[in-house]
Protein backbone atom coordinates (compact mmCIF):
# COMPACT_ATOMS: atom_id res chain seq x y z
CA MET A 1 158.48 105.66 89.34
CA THR A 2 156.07 103.44 87.98
CA PRO A 3 152.87 102.72 90.06
CA ALA A 4 154.17 99.22 89.51
CA GLU A 5 157.77 100.00 90.95
CA TYR A 6 156.11 101.89 93.75
CA GLY A 7 154.00 98.49 95.01
CA ALA A 8 157.12 96.84 94.40
CA GLU A 9 158.70 98.98 97.07
CA LEU A 10 156.04 98.94 99.36
CA ARG A 11 155.88 95.33 99.49
CA ARG A 12 159.47 95.34 100.32
CA LEU A 13 159.32 96.89 102.60
CA HIS A 14 157.00 94.79 104.52
CA VAL A 15 159.47 92.02 104.54
CA ASP A 16 162.75 94.00 105.18
CA ASP A 17 164.59 93.48 108.31
CA GLU A 18 164.25 97.37 109.14
CA LEU A 19 160.67 97.59 111.23
CA LEU A 20 158.26 99.55 108.63
CA GLN A 21 156.84 102.55 110.09
CA VAL A 22 154.31 104.46 109.00
CA VAL A 23 153.26 107.94 110.23
CA ASN A 24 149.45 108.32 108.94
CA VAL A 25 148.00 111.50 106.65
CA TRP A 26 144.48 112.65 106.04
CA ASP A 27 145.11 115.62 103.50
CA VAL A 28 147.61 116.71 100.83
CA VAL A 29 149.57 119.29 103.17
CA SER A 30 149.68 116.15 106.05
CA ALA A 31 151.40 113.72 103.48
CA THR A 32 153.65 115.99 102.19
CA THR A 33 154.73 117.21 105.80
CA VAL A 34 155.85 113.75 106.83
CA ALA A 35 156.84 113.30 103.38
CA ALA A 36 159.82 115.86 103.59
CA LEU A 37 161.57 113.85 106.58
CA PRO A 38 164.48 111.71 105.17
CA GLU A 39 163.06 108.57 107.47
CA THR A 40 159.73 108.10 105.63
CA ARG A 41 160.07 105.28 103.38
CA ALA A 42 156.37 105.18 102.82
CA LEU A 43 153.02 106.87 103.43
CA ALA A 44 149.48 105.67 104.58
CA THR A 45 146.31 107.43 104.80
CA ALA A 46 143.69 106.98 108.03
CA SER A 47 140.24 106.78 107.01
CA HIS A 48 138.82 107.69 110.40
CA SER A 49 140.81 111.00 110.03
CA ILE A 50 139.88 111.25 106.41
CA ALA A 51 136.03 110.82 107.05
CA ALA A 52 136.43 113.58 110.50
CA LEU A 53 138.40 115.90 107.35
CA PHE A 54 135.53 116.19 105.46
CA GLY A 55 132.42 115.88 108.70
CA TYR A 56 131.40 111.96 108.52
CA PRO A 57 131.94 109.50 111.40
CA ASP A 58 134.62 107.08 110.66
CA GLY A 59 133.00 103.07 109.40
CA GLU A 60 131.76 104.20 105.80
CA HIS A 61 129.86 106.69 106.36
CA ILE A 62 131.97 108.78 104.17
CA PRO A 63 131.42 107.92 100.29
CA ALA A 64 133.52 106.03 98.44
CA ASP A 65 134.41 108.42 95.78
CA LEU A 66 135.88 111.38 98.05
CA MET A 67 137.38 108.98 100.04
CA LEU A 68 139.29 107.58 96.98
CA ASP A 69 139.90 111.04 95.53
CA MET A 70 141.24 112.39 98.62
CA VAL A 71 143.96 109.54 98.98
CA GLY A 72 144.75 109.88 95.07
CA ARG A 73 145.43 113.27 96.18
CA ILE A 74 147.91 112.53 98.95
CA ALA A 75 149.95 109.73 96.11
CA ARG A 76 150.14 112.11 92.95
CA ALA A 77 151.25 114.90 96.10
CA VAL A 78 154.19 112.25 96.87
CA ASP A 79 157.30 110.31 95.29
CA MET A 80 156.39 107.16 97.60
CA PRO A 81 154.55 104.31 97.71
CA VAL A 82 151.52 105.09 100.18
CA SER A 83 149.43 102.73 101.58
CA ALA A 84 145.69 103.50 101.99
CA ASP A 85 143.24 102.60 104.80
CA LEU A 86 140.00 101.42 102.63
CA GLU A 87 138.26 100.31 105.29
CA ALA A 88 136.20 96.84 104.76
CA GLY A 89 136.20 97.77 100.52
CA TYR A 90 133.10 100.10 100.48
CA GLY A 91 130.39 96.87 99.57
CA ASN A 92 133.48 96.09 96.71
CA PRO A 93 136.61 95.40 97.35
CA ARG A 94 137.49 94.44 94.15
CA GLU A 95 136.28 97.41 92.55
CA THR A 96 137.66 99.67 95.19
CA ILE A 97 141.15 98.55 95.03
CA ARG A 98 140.90 98.92 91.28
CA ARG A 99 139.29 102.66 91.74
CA ALA A 100 142.30 102.86 94.30
CA ILE A 101 145.18 101.74 92.07
CA GLY A 102 144.17 104.22 89.14
CA GLU A 103 144.29 107.07 92.15
CA GLY A 104 147.84 105.70 92.27
CA ILE A 105 147.61 103.89 95.23
CA VAL A 106 149.47 100.69 95.61
CA GLY A 107 148.24 99.38 98.86
CA ALA A 108 145.36 99.27 100.91
CA ASN A 109 144.04 97.90 104.45
CA LEU A 110 141.36 96.14 104.39
CA GLU A 111 139.10 95.19 107.35
CA ASP A 112 137.23 92.06 107.98
CA ARG A 113 134.76 93.37 111.04
CA MET A 114 134.97 90.28 112.11
CA GLU A 115 132.31 88.89 109.52
CA PRO A 116 132.16 85.30 108.55
CA LEU A 117 135.43 83.98 107.73
CA ALA A 118 134.46 82.61 104.30
CA ASP A 119 133.32 86.48 103.47
CA SER A 120 136.05 87.77 104.69
CA VAL A 121 138.38 85.41 102.97
CA ALA A 122 136.55 85.99 99.11
CA ALA A 123 136.94 89.92 100.18
CA VAL A 124 140.73 89.45 100.52
CA GLU A 125 140.95 87.15 97.04
CA ALA A 126 138.86 89.39 95.52
CA ALA A 127 141.04 92.37 96.52
CA VAL A 128 144.26 90.66 95.27
CA ALA A 129 142.52 89.87 92.40
CA ALA A 130 141.82 93.28 90.85
CA ALA A 131 145.57 93.96 91.93
CA ASP A 132 147.05 91.06 89.70
CA ALA A 133 144.28 92.07 87.02
CA GLU A 134 146.18 95.96 86.77
CA GLY A 135 149.32 94.26 87.07
CA VAL A 136 150.86 96.27 89.38
CA PRO A 137 152.53 94.77 92.99
CA PHE A 138 150.01 95.25 95.78
CA ALA A 139 150.61 95.80 99.84
CA LEU A 140 147.46 94.23 100.71
CA ASN A 141 146.99 94.51 104.72
CA ALA A 142 144.18 92.63 105.84
CA ARG A 143 142.70 93.91 109.23
CA THR A 144 141.21 91.22 111.49
CA ASP A 145 139.26 92.55 114.46
CA ALA A 146 139.90 90.01 116.32
CA TRP A 147 141.36 91.48 119.17
CA LEU A 148 140.40 94.73 119.01
CA HIS A 149 136.34 94.13 119.33
CA GLY A 150 137.13 90.64 120.93
CA GLY A 151 135.15 91.62 124.08
CA ASP A 152 135.47 89.24 126.88
CA ARG A 153 136.61 86.79 125.71
CA PRO A 154 140.11 85.66 127.20
CA ARG A 155 143.25 86.56 125.32
CA VAL A 156 144.19 82.95 124.19
CA GLU A 157 140.72 83.25 122.41
CA ARG A 158 141.17 85.91 120.67
CA THR A 159 144.77 85.57 119.53
CA ALA A 160 144.22 82.18 118.50
CA ASP A 161 141.21 83.63 116.38
CA ALA A 162 143.34 86.54 114.96
CA VAL A 163 146.22 83.85 114.22
CA ALA A 164 143.23 81.43 112.04
CA ARG A 165 142.47 84.59 109.88
CA GLY A 166 145.32 85.88 109.45
CA ARG A 167 146.66 82.70 108.23
CA ALA A 168 143.71 82.50 105.94
CA TYR A 169 144.12 85.84 104.51
CA LEU A 170 147.77 84.99 104.18
CA ASP A 171 146.81 81.94 101.94
CA ALA A 172 144.08 84.60 99.84
CA GLY A 173 147.46 86.24 99.18
CA ALA A 174 147.90 89.48 101.51
CA THR A 175 151.29 90.67 102.16
CA CYS A 176 150.49 90.69 105.85
CA VAL A 177 147.80 90.52 108.64
CA PHE A 178 147.14 93.83 110.51
CA VAL A 179 145.71 93.00 113.62
CA PRO A 180 144.66 96.65 115.97
CA GLY A 181 144.83 96.19 119.99
CA ASN A 182 146.58 97.84 123.23
CA PHE A 183 148.94 94.25 124.08
CA GLY A 184 152.42 94.11 125.01
CA ASP A 185 155.35 92.01 123.73
CA ASP A 186 153.47 88.27 124.67
CA VAL A 187 150.56 88.88 122.57
CA VAL A 188 152.95 90.13 119.66
CA ALA A 189 155.26 87.28 120.14
CA GLU A 190 152.19 84.89 119.76
CA LEU A 191 150.57 86.96 116.94
CA VAL A 192 154.17 86.70 115.02
CA ASP A 193 154.64 82.70 115.40
CA GLY A 194 150.93 81.94 114.86
CA ILE A 195 151.45 84.48 111.92
CA GLY A 196 154.83 84.48 110.41
CA TRP A 197 157.65 86.59 110.47
CA ARG A 198 157.85 90.16 109.24
CA ARG A 199 153.87 89.10 108.34
CA VAL A 200 152.31 91.20 111.15
CA SER A 201 151.40 94.81 111.22
CA VAL A 202 150.60 96.59 114.71
CA ILE A 203 148.70 100.09 115.55
CA GLY A 204 151.25 101.92 117.89
CA LEU A 205 149.58 101.97 121.20
CA PRO A 206 150.82 103.34 124.39
CA ASP A 207 150.84 99.61 125.52
CA LEU A 208 152.65 98.30 122.75
CA PRO A 209 156.58 97.74 123.04
CA ARG A 210 158.60 100.56 121.48
CA PRO A 211 159.35 100.36 117.89
CA GLU A 212 162.85 98.58 118.01
CA ARG A 213 161.50 96.09 120.37
CA LEU A 214 158.95 95.38 117.43
CA ALA A 215 161.73 94.99 115.13
CA GLU A 216 163.25 92.61 117.64
CA LEU A 217 159.94 90.18 117.49
CA GLY A 218 159.38 90.30 114.34
CA VAL A 219 156.94 92.42 113.03
CA ALA A 220 156.97 93.95 109.85
CA ARG A 221 155.23 97.19 110.10
CA VAL A 222 153.03 99.81 112.15
CA SER A 223 150.96 102.32 112.04
CA TYR A 224 149.25 104.94 114.29
CA GLY A 225 146.04 105.35 113.08
CA PRO A 226 144.04 108.41 113.85
CA LEU A 227 146.15 109.18 116.90
CA THR A 228 148.77 111.42 114.12
CA GLN A 229 145.39 113.89 113.68
CA ARG A 230 144.66 113.77 117.30
CA VAL A 231 147.79 114.71 117.96
CA ALA A 232 147.73 117.97 115.26
CA LEU A 233 144.24 118.51 116.61
CA GLY A 234 145.63 119.23 119.95
CA ALA A 235 148.42 121.22 119.70
CA LEU A 236 145.58 123.62 117.44
CA GLN A 237 143.05 123.63 120.52
CA ASP A 238 145.82 124.35 122.70
CA LEU A 239 147.25 127.67 120.74
CA ALA A 240 143.84 128.67 120.90
CA VAL A 241 142.91 128.32 124.59
CA MET A 242 146.35 130.28 124.74
CA LEU A 243 145.51 132.89 122.73
CA TYR A 244 141.98 133.62 123.71
CA GLY A 245 144.07 133.61 127.35
CA GLY A 246 145.57 136.76 125.95
CA GLY A 247 148.58 135.01 124.20
CA VAL A 248 150.55 135.66 121.38
CA PRO A 249 151.65 132.49 118.24
CA PRO A 250 154.98 132.11 119.91
CA ARG A 251 158.68 132.47 117.27
CA GLY A 252 159.69 130.05 115.12
CA ILE A 253 156.97 128.80 113.46
CA ARG A 254 158.04 126.48 110.87
CA PRO A 255 155.98 127.31 106.68
CA LEU A 256 154.70 123.76 106.61
CA ASN A 257 151.93 124.69 104.53
């Protein structure tokens, strides 16, 4: 498929009746491992995990060149749409999205970090303009931290802020609105009611409804951020503890690399 075809497919998956689940990856081998599963329809990278891979903390401490190189390697290694977590755009959302498309990326997360709304809307508009200029349908997952970094504000205020920002980002051309947070059915329903059916993206955390319930509530997409890498690293550390304790590698290890 061409980049334009991958982009159109990724946008279609966001409005499909079936919830889009993306299991986040951080390098080529994690990408090919997840992509090999028949249930996988698209991939998403995790910026936190890629930064950790190279020894950087999360939050745009990794050089943009290094992040873009890795997401490009992932996109070229699989035959499906890939969305990249590009944090807040590394100081230049338009140029970052342009370069990402050149690497084969057809969707992206773009964080607002609770910057002034006008600045955040401008960043979304710049990202959309970059994709339009490249002629690639692009699934922009505009993230608002109104819930995640809402502090001690009452639930109703955080939800209202997320809805107001989300609507503004959709008006600016975003495909959907990513509202990370550990909340239940009630907040999910309020977000969907305020932002739109199949226009809300969430992260799969312990208190969130299960995927089938998210689909019923009208959520477009669920991803898992750095949790996937943490599970893999936990398994590695558990194996090391067992080996240090006199154990041996278990039988039946799958040769996934």
